[in-house]
C-alpha atoms as a PDB file:
ATOM      1  CA  MET A   1     290.021 170.064   6.728  1.00  0.00           C
ATOM      2  CA  ARG A   2     288.470 169.271   3.359  1.00  0.00           C
ATOM      3  CA  ILE A   3     290.665 167.422   0.830  1.00  0.00           C
ATOM      4  CA  LEU A   4     289.833 166.547  -2.837  1.00  0.00           C
ATOM      5  CA  ILE A   5     291.576 163.442  -4.349  1.00  0.00           C
ATOM      6  CA  VAL A   6     291.894 162.911  -8.221  1.00  0.00           C
ATOM      7  CA  GLU A   7     293.027 159.531  -8.889  1.00  0.00           C
ATOM      8  CA  ASP A   8     291.859 156.949 -11.470  1.00  0.00           C
ATOM      9  CA  ASP A   9     293.229 154.031  -9.646  1.00  0.00           C
ATOM     10  CA  GLN A  10     290.164 152.979  -7.477  1.00  0.00           C
ATOM     11  CA  VAL A  11     292.250 150.530  -5.159  1.00  0.00           C
ATOM     12  CA  LEU A  12     294.815 153.436  -4.343  1.00  0.00           C
ATOM     13  CA  ALA A  13     292.047 156.014  -4.081  1.00  0.00           C
ATOM     14  CA  ASP A  14     290.131 153.663  -1.489  1.00  0.00           C
ATOM     15  CA  GLY A  15     293.410 153.465   0.459  1.00  0.00           C
ATOM     16  CA  LEU A  16     293.945 157.182   0.514  1.00  0.00           C
ATOM     17  CA  LEU A  17     290.365 157.731   1.429  1.00  0.00           C
ATOM     18  CA  ARG A  18     290.547 155.373   4.392  1.00  0.00           C
ATOM     19  CA  THR A  19     293.748 156.801   5.481  1.00  0.00           C
ATOM     20  CA  LEU A  20     292.860 160.526   5.463  1.00  0.00           C
ATOM     21  CA  ARG A  21     289.312 160.004   6.588  1.00  0.00           C
ATOM     22  CA  ALA A  22     290.830 158.282   9.637  1.00  0.00           C
ATOM     23  CA  SER A  23     292.758 161.309  10.466  1.00  0.00           C
ATOM     24  CA  GLY A  24     289.737 163.412  10.483  1.00  0.00           C
ATOM     25  CA  ALA A  25     289.702 165.083   7.234  1.00  0.00           C
ATOM     26  CA  VAL A  26     286.425 165.481   5.192  1.00  0.00           C
ATOM     27  CA  VAL A  27     287.486 163.802   1.611  1.00  0.00           C
ATOM     28  CA  ASP A  28     285.964 163.826  -1.735  1.00  0.00           C
ATOM     29  CA  HIS A  29     287.243 161.696  -4.697  1.00  0.00           C
ATOM     30  CA  VAL A  30     286.943 161.954  -8.467  1.00  0.00           C
ATOM     31  CA  ALA A  31     288.481 159.867 -10.972  1.00  0.00           C
ATOM     32  CA  SER A  32     289.078 162.205 -13.988  1.00  0.00           C
ATOM     33  CA  GLY A  33     290.667 165.447 -15.019  1.00  0.00           C
ATOM     34  CA  SER A  34     287.472 167.069 -16.136  1.00  0.00           C
ATOM     35  CA  GLU A  35     285.575 165.903 -13.007  1.00  0.00           C
ATOM     36  CA  ALA A  36     288.347 167.553 -10.838  1.00  0.00           C
ATOM     37  CA  ASP A  37     288.115 170.827 -13.075  1.00  0.00           C
ATOM     38  CA  ALA A  38     284.377 170.864 -12.691  1.00  0.00           C
ATOM     39  CA  ALA A  39     284.559 170.203  -8.808  1.00  0.00           C
ATOM     40  CA  LEU A  40     287.133 172.978  -8.498  1.00  0.00           C
ATOM     41  CA  LEU A  41     285.060 175.433 -10.297  1.00  0.00           C
ATOM     42  CA  THR A  42     282.167 174.912  -8.201  1.00  0.00           C
ATOM     43  CA  ASN A  43     283.527 174.489  -4.670  1.00  0.00           C
ATOM     44  CA  ASN A  44     286.094 176.750  -3.278  1.00  0.00           C
ATOM     45  CA  GLU A  45     286.046 175.233   0.246  1.00  0.00           C
ATOM     46  CA  PHE A  46     288.814 172.641  -0.250  1.00  0.00           C
ATOM     47  CA  ASP A  47     292.104 173.022   1.752  1.00  0.00           C
ATOM     48  CA  LEU A  48     294.199 170.545  -0.278  1.00  0.00           C
ATOM     49  CA  LEU A  49     294.182 168.831  -3.805  1.00  0.00           C
ATOM     50  CA  ILE A  50     295.937 165.690  -4.184  1.00  0.00           C
ATOM     51  CA  LEU A  51     296.331 165.276  -7.969  1.00  0.00           C
ATOM     52  CA  ASP A  52     297.398 162.333 -10.182  1.00  0.00           C
ATOM     53  CA  LEU A  53     298.803 163.173 -13.512  1.00  0.00           C
ATOM     54  CA  GLY A  54     297.958 160.400 -15.878  1.00  0.00           C
ATOM     55  CA  LEU A  55     294.078 160.999 -15.686  1.00  0.00           C
ATOM     56  CA  PRO A  56     291.379 160.384 -18.256  1.00  0.00           C
ATOM     57  CA  ARG A  57     289.647 162.997 -20.100  1.00  0.00           C
ATOM     58  CA  MET A  58     292.116 165.767 -18.919  1.00  0.00           C
ATOM     59  CA  HIS A  59     295.738 165.376 -17.880  1.00  0.00           C
ATOM     60  CA  GLY A  60     296.508 166.329 -14.342  1.00  0.00           C
ATOM     61  CA  LEU A  61     299.025 168.972 -15.497  1.00  0.00           C
ATOM     62  CA  GLU A  62     296.198 170.650 -17.386  1.00  0.00           C
ATOM     63  CA  VAL A  63     293.957 170.538 -14.291  1.00  0.00           C
ATOM     64  CA  LEU A  64     296.666 172.299 -12.342  1.00  0.00           C
ATOM     65  CA  LYS A  65     297.404 174.889 -15.195  1.00  0.00           C
ATOM     66  CA  LYS A  66     293.461 175.720 -15.110  1.00  0.00           C
ATOM     67  CA  LEU A  67     293.451 175.967 -11.342  1.00  0.00           C
ATOM     68  CA  ARG A  68     296.433 178.453 -11.068  1.00  0.00           C
ATOM     69  CA  GLY A  69     295.098 180.275 -14.145  1.00  0.00           C
ATOM     70  CA  ARG A  70     292.047 181.154 -12.076  1.00  0.00           C
ATOM     71  CA  GLY A  71     294.171 182.519  -9.424  1.00  0.00           C
ATOM     72  CA  MET A  72     293.499 179.697  -6.835  1.00  0.00           C
ATOM     73  CA  ALA A  73     296.087 179.435  -4.173  1.00  0.00           C
ATOM     74  CA  LEU A  74     294.914 175.916  -3.048  1.00  0.00           C
ATOM     75  CA  PRO A  75     297.853 173.759  -2.033  1.00  0.00           C
ATOM     76  CA  VAL A  76     298.389 170.736  -4.439  1.00  0.00           C
ATOM     77  CA  LEU A  77     300.288 167.682  -3.814  1.00  0.00           C
ATOM     78  CA  ILE A  78     301.028 165.661  -7.096  1.00  0.00           C
ATOM     79  CA  LEU A  79     300.934 161.802  -7.064  1.00  0.00           C
ATOM     80  CA  THR A  80     302.191 160.187 -10.121  1.00  0.00           C
ATOM     81  CA  ALA A  81     304.302 157.056 -11.403  1.00  0.00           C
ATOM     82  CA  ALA A  82     306.119 159.373 -13.527  1.00  0.00           C
ATOM     83  CA  ASP A  83     309.265 160.071 -11.572  1.00  0.00           C
ATOM     84  CA  SER A  84     311.351 161.882 -14.240  1.00  0.00           C
ATOM     85  CA  VAL A  85     312.998 165.009 -13.477  1.00  0.00           C
ATOM     86  CA  ASP A  86     311.238 166.673 -16.465  1.00  0.00           C
ATOM     87  CA  GLU A  87     307.737 165.550 -15.022  1.00  0.00           C
ATOM     88  CA  ARG A  88     308.632 167.069 -11.515  1.00  0.00           C
ATOM     89  CA  VAL A  89     309.942 170.192 -13.150  1.00  0.00           C
ATOM     90  CA  LYS A  90     306.688 170.687 -15.275  1.00  0.00           C
ATOM     91  CA  GLY A  91     304.388 170.082 -12.130  1.00  0.00           C
ATOM     92  CA  LEU A  92     306.482 172.398  -9.856  1.00  0.00           C
ATOM     93  CA  ASP A  93     306.561 175.248 -12.692  1.00  0.00           C
ATOM     94  CA  LEU A  94     302.905 174.971 -13.028  1.00  0.00           C
ATOM     95  CA  GLY A  95     302.313 175.738  -9.328  1.00  0.00           C
ATOM     96  CA  ALA A  96     302.245 172.479  -7.575  1.00  0.00           C
ATOM     97  CA  ASP A  97     303.478 172.473  -4.056  1.00  0.00           C
ATOM     98  CA  ASP A  98     304.827 169.035  -3.505  1.00  0.00           C
ATOM     99  CA  TYR A  99     305.447 165.951  -5.473  1.00  0.00           C
ATOM    100  CA  MET A 100     305.295 162.122  -4.481  1.00  0.00           C
ATOM    101  CA  ALA A 101     306.186 159.397  -6.859  1.00  0.00           C
ATOM    102  CA  LYS A 102     304.375 156.032  -6.727  1.00  0.00           C
ATOM    103  CA  PRO A 103     304.599 153.649  -4.719  1.00  0.00           C
ATOM    104  CA  PHE A 104     304.733 155.786  -1.679  1.00  0.00           C
ATOM    105  CA  SER A 105     304.199 155.356   2.255  1.00  0.00           C
ATOM    106  CA  LEU A 106     300.898 156.534   3.393  1.00  0.00           C
ATOM    107  CA  GLN A 107     302.601 157.560   6.700  1.00  0.00           C
ATOM    108  CA  GLU A 108     304.811 160.023   4.608  1.00  0.00           C
ATOM    109  CA  LEU A 109     301.833 161.096   2.660  1.00  0.00           C
ATOM    110  CA  GLU A 110     300.071 162.023   5.824  1.00  0.00           C
ATOM    111  CA  ALA A 111     303.093 163.976   7.048  1.00  0.00           C
ATOM    112  CA  ARG A 112     303.180 165.980   3.851  1.00  0.00           C
ATOM    113  CA  VAL A 113     299.507 166.620   3.862  1.00  0.00           C
ATOM    114  CA  ARG A 114     299.906 168.135   7.383  1.00  0.00           C
ATOM    115  CA  ALA A 115     302.905 170.194   6.186  1.00  0.00           C
ATOM    116  CA  LEU A 116     301.029 171.547   3.192  1.00  0.00           C
ATOM    117  CA  THR A 117     297.917 172.360   5.382  1.00  0.00           C
ATOM    118  CA  ARG A 118     300.332 174.458   7.805  1.00  0.00           C
ATOM    119  CA  ARG A 119     301.885 176.118   4.701  1.00  0.00           C
ATOM    120  CA  GLY A 120     298.427 177.026   3.283  1.00  0.00           C
ATOM    121  CA  MET A 121     297.506 178.624   6.421  1.00  0.00           C
ATOM    122  CA  GLY A 122     300.487 181.187   6.041  1.00  0.00           C
ATOM    123  CA  GLY A 123     302.810 179.746   8.434  1.00  0.00           C
ATOM    124  CA  THR A 124     304.492 177.039  10.498  1.00  0.00           C
ATOM    125  CA  SER A 125     301.832 176.794  13.021  1.00  0.00           C
ATOM    126  CA  SER A 126     298.461 175.403  12.395  1.00  0.00           C
ATOM    127  CA  ALA A 127     297.093 176.471  15.916  1.00  0.00           C
ATOM    128  CA  ILE A 128     294.080 178.866  16.136  1.00  0.00           C
ATOM    129  CA  ARG A 129     293.654 180.626  19.399  1.00  0.00           C
ATOM    130  CA  HIS A 130     290.654 182.023  20.858  1.00  0.00           C
ATOM    131  CA  GLY A 131     291.060 183.047  24.502  1.00  0.00           C
ATOM    132  CA  PRO A 132     291.725 180.072  26.601  1.00  0.00           C
ATOM    133  CA  LEU A 133     290.667 177.696  23.555  1.00  0.00           C
ATOM    134  CA  VAL A 134     293.549 176.458  21.291  1.00  0.00           C
ATOM    135  CA  TYR A 135     292.841 174.319  18.235  1.00  0.00           C
ATOM    136  CA  ASP A 136     295.779 172.680  16.421  1.00  0.00           C
ATOM    137  CA  GLN A 137     294.336 172.020  13.052  1.00  0.00           C
ATOM    138  CA  ALA A 138     297.228 169.726  11.734  1.00  0.00           C
ATOM    139  CA  GLY A 139     297.284 167.714  14.876  1.00  0.00           C
ATOM    140  CA  ARG A 140     293.356 167.712  15.316  1.00  0.00           C
ATOM    141  CA  VAL A 141     293.545 168.502  19.160  1.00  0.00           C
ATOM    142  CA  ALA A 142     291.576 171.106  20.991  1.00  0.00           C
ATOM    143  CA  THR A 143     292.426 172.164  24.507  1.00  0.00           C
ATOM    144  CA  ILE A 144     291.025 174.786  26.921  1.00  0.00           C
ATOM    145  CA  ASP A 145     293.528 176.182  29.481  1.00  0.00           C
ATOM    146  CA  GLY A 146     295.828 173.590  28.389  1.00  0.00           C
ATOM    147  CA  LYS A 147     293.665 170.686  28.969  1.00  0.00           C
ATOM    148  CA  MET A 148     292.583 168.486  26.189  1.00  0.00           C
ATOM    149  CA  ILE A 149     288.842 168.300  25.130  1.00  0.00           C
ATOM    150  CA  GLU A 150     287.441 165.051  23.894  1.00  0.00           C
ATOM    151  CA  LEU A 151     285.853 165.935  20.479  1.00  0.00           C
ATOM    152  CA  SER A 152     284.496 163.712  17.775  1.00  0.00           C
ATOM    153  CA  ALA A 153     285.694 164.304  14.045  1.00  0.00           C
ATOM    154  CA  ARG A 154     282.640 166.146  13.110  1.00  0.00           C
ATOM    155  CA  GLU A 155     282.866 168.454  16.396  1.00  0.00           C
ATOM    156  CA  LEU A 156     286.502 169.096  15.508  1.00  0.00           C
ATOM    157  CA  GLY A 157     285.620 170.216  11.877  1.00  0.00           C
ATOM    158  CA  LEU A 158     282.760 172.167  13.269  1.00  0.00           C
ATOM    159  CA  LEU A 159     285.093 174.084  15.650  1.00  0.00           C
ATOM    160  CA  GLY A 160     287.697 174.697  13.019  1.00  0.00           C
ATOM    161  CA  VAL A 161     285.139 176.334  10.726  1.00  0.00           C
ATOM    162  CA  LEU A 162     283.851 178.546  13.508  1.00  0.00           C
ATOM    163  CA  LEU A 163     287.340 179.592  14.738  1.00  0.00           C
ATOM    164  CA  GLN A 164     288.368 180.589  11.135  1.00  0.00           C
ATOM    165  CA  ARG A 165     285.406 182.891  11.061  1.00  0.00           C
ATOM    166  CA  VAL A 166     285.250 184.341  14.854  1.00  0.00           C
ATOM    167  CA  GLY A 167     282.834 187.159  15.071  1.00  0.00           C
ATOM    168  CA  ARG A 168     281.200 186.350  11.671  1.00  0.00           C
ATOM    169  CA  LEU A 169     277.970 184.576  10.817  1.00  0.00           C
ATOM    170  CA  VAL A 170     278.295 180.959   9.547  1.00  0.00           C
ATOM    171  CA  SER A 171     275.136 179.582   7.918  1.00  0.00           C
ATOM    172  CA  LYS A 172     274.142 175.834   8.289  1.00  0.00           C
ATOM    173  CA  GLU A 173     274.470 175.547   4.461  1.00  0.00           C
ATOM    174  CA  GLN A 174     278.103 176.690   4.702  1.00  0.00           C
ATOM    175  CA  LEU A 175     278.717 174.111   7.655  1.00  0.00           C
ATOM    176  CA  VAL A 176     277.161 171.393   5.404  1.00  0.00           C
ATOM    177  CA  GLU A 177     279.322 172.333   2.389  1.00  0.00           C
ATOM    178  CA  ARG A 178     282.421 172.533   4.595  1.00  0.00           C
ATOM    179  CA  LEU A 179     282.010 169.436   6.779  1.00  0.00           C
ATOM    180  CA  CYS A 180     280.185 166.955   4.640  1.00  0.00           C
ATOM    181  CA  GLU A 181     281.393 164.695   1.795  1.00  0.00           C
ATOM    182  CA  TRP A 182     279.499 164.796  -1.411  1.00  0.00           C
ATOM    183  CA  SER A 183     277.726 161.387  -0.702  1.00  0.00           C
ATOM    184  CA  GLU A 184     276.390 162.481   2.687  1.00  0.00           C
ATOM    185  CA  GLU A 185     272.884 163.931   3.340  1.00  0.00           C
ATOM    186  CA  VAL A 186     272.911 166.026   6.328  1.00  0.00           C
ATOM    187  CA  SER A 187     269.855 167.848   7.658  1.00  0.00           C
ATOM    188  CA  ASN A 188     269.664 171.173   9.441  1.00  0.00           C
ATOM    189  CA  ASN A 189     268.612 169.176  12.472  1.00  0.00           C
ATOM    190  CA  ALA A 190     271.793 167.382  12.544  1.00  0.00           C
ATOM    191  CA  ILE A 191     273.912 170.503  12.503  1.00  0.00           C
ATOM    192  CA  GLU A 192     271.871 171.658  15.444  1.00  0.00           C
ATOM    193  CA  VAL A 193     272.724 168.334  17.192  1.00  0.00           C
ATOM    194  CA  TYR A 194     276.500 168.939  16.465  1.00  0.00           C
ATOM    195  CA  ILE A 195     276.237 172.654  17.661  1.00  0.00           C
ATOM    196  CA  HIS A 196     274.592 171.356  20.899  1.00  0.00           C
ATOM    197  CA  ARG A 197     277.328 168.867  21.571  1.00  0.00           C
ATOM    198  CA  LEU A 198     280.300 171.192  20.831  1.00  0.00           C
ATOM    199  CA  ARG A 199     278.485 173.900  23.049  1.00  0.00           C
ATOM    200  CA  LYS A 200     278.451 171.464  26.027  1.00  0.00           C
ATOM    201  CA  LYS A 201     282.177 170.748  25.708  1.00  0.00           C
ATOM    202  CA  ILE A 202     283.657 174.287  25.104  1.00  0.00           C
ATOM    203  CA  GLU A 203     281.495 176.745  26.496  1.00  0.00           C
ATOM    204  CA  GLY A 204     282.490 178.485  29.771  1.00  0.00           C
ATOM    205  CA  GLY A 205     284.099 181.690  30.679  1.00  0.00           C
ATOM    206  CA  PRO A 206     284.175 183.890  27.636  1.00  0.00           C
ATOM    207  CA  ILE A 207     283.592 181.245  24.963  1.00  0.00           C
ATOM    208  CA  ARG A 208     280.276 181.213  23.482  1.00  0.00           C
ATOM    209  CA  ILE A 209     278.430 180.151  20.177  1.00  0.00           C
ATOM    210  CA  ALA A 210     275.797 182.458  19.523  1.00  0.00           C
ATOM    211  CA  THR A 211     272.619 181.199  17.364  1.00  0.00           C
ATOM    212  CA  VAL A 212     271.294 183.717  14.948  1.00  0.00           C
ATOM    213  CA  ARG A 213     267.735 182.315  14.681  1.00  0.00           C
ATOM    214  CA  GLY A 214     267.000 181.219  10.843  1.00  0.00           C
ATOM    215  CA  LEU A 215     270.513 182.474   9.759  1.00  0.00           C
ATOM    216  CA  GLY A 216     273.341 180.270  11.462  1.00  0.00           C
ATOM    217  CA  TYR A 217     275.886 180.568  14.116  1.00  0.00           C
ATOM    218  CA  CYS A 218     278.672 182.809  15.243  1.00  0.00           C
ATOM    219  CA  LEU A 219     281.609 182.238  17.708  1.00  0.00           C
ATOM    220  CA  GLU A 220     281.462 185.524  19.466  1.00  0.00           C
ATOM    221  CA  LYS A 221     284.679 187.605  19.777  1.00  0.00           C
ATOM    222  CA  ILE A 222     286.365 187.559  23.331  1.00  0.00           C
ATOM    223  CA  PRO A 223     286.292 191.184  24.712  1.00  0.00           C
ATOM    224  CA  VAL A 224     289.765 192.551  25.225  1.00  0.00           C
ATOM    225  CA  SER A 225     290.386 193.669  28.752  1.00  0.00           C
ATOM    226  CA  TYR A 226     292.736 196.769  29.348  1.00  0.00           C
END
């Protein structure tokens, strides 16, 4: 799961970053409305936007208005000190999915993030199934034949990307964009290492990660038996 936080209070932003990264999410942060608008224009890999309203250089509601005007269905959680009914109505009318007034509980925020992620997947379940392999994206748990697999946060992220694109090629560049924060520098060799580790833990039976040399990787479709 990749999240963009737009918050100009650095202390609050740091707390959100620590909490969400500890849960396994890839999290990017900007501090102004104009930076948020630019990030959303150039990156369509976010799963959730956490948006403050009182931002410098562009109000949060304007960021939201532009986002929805471009037809982007990205789930949006508004965070703001403005807890008036009018402010909440404006945000929800412009397309926000949820609203939290400051101060708030980080535990409640995590629960709302999980709920919005499930909703963004089009249902109440966040589990992806591939034969005997099941990955609960909200709970960050993977199992094979009901037995939990011990995976690192990066391996879980990699598994999620491949499962969402079963039968389709995923390039190394796409994996870097999906799994790595802006400040990280990740080489192709590092991606190969993550793939190797994931293979050792999940391959067996019908599950296989195929390498297309020079192009990327593909989680192969499991043949259906009749």
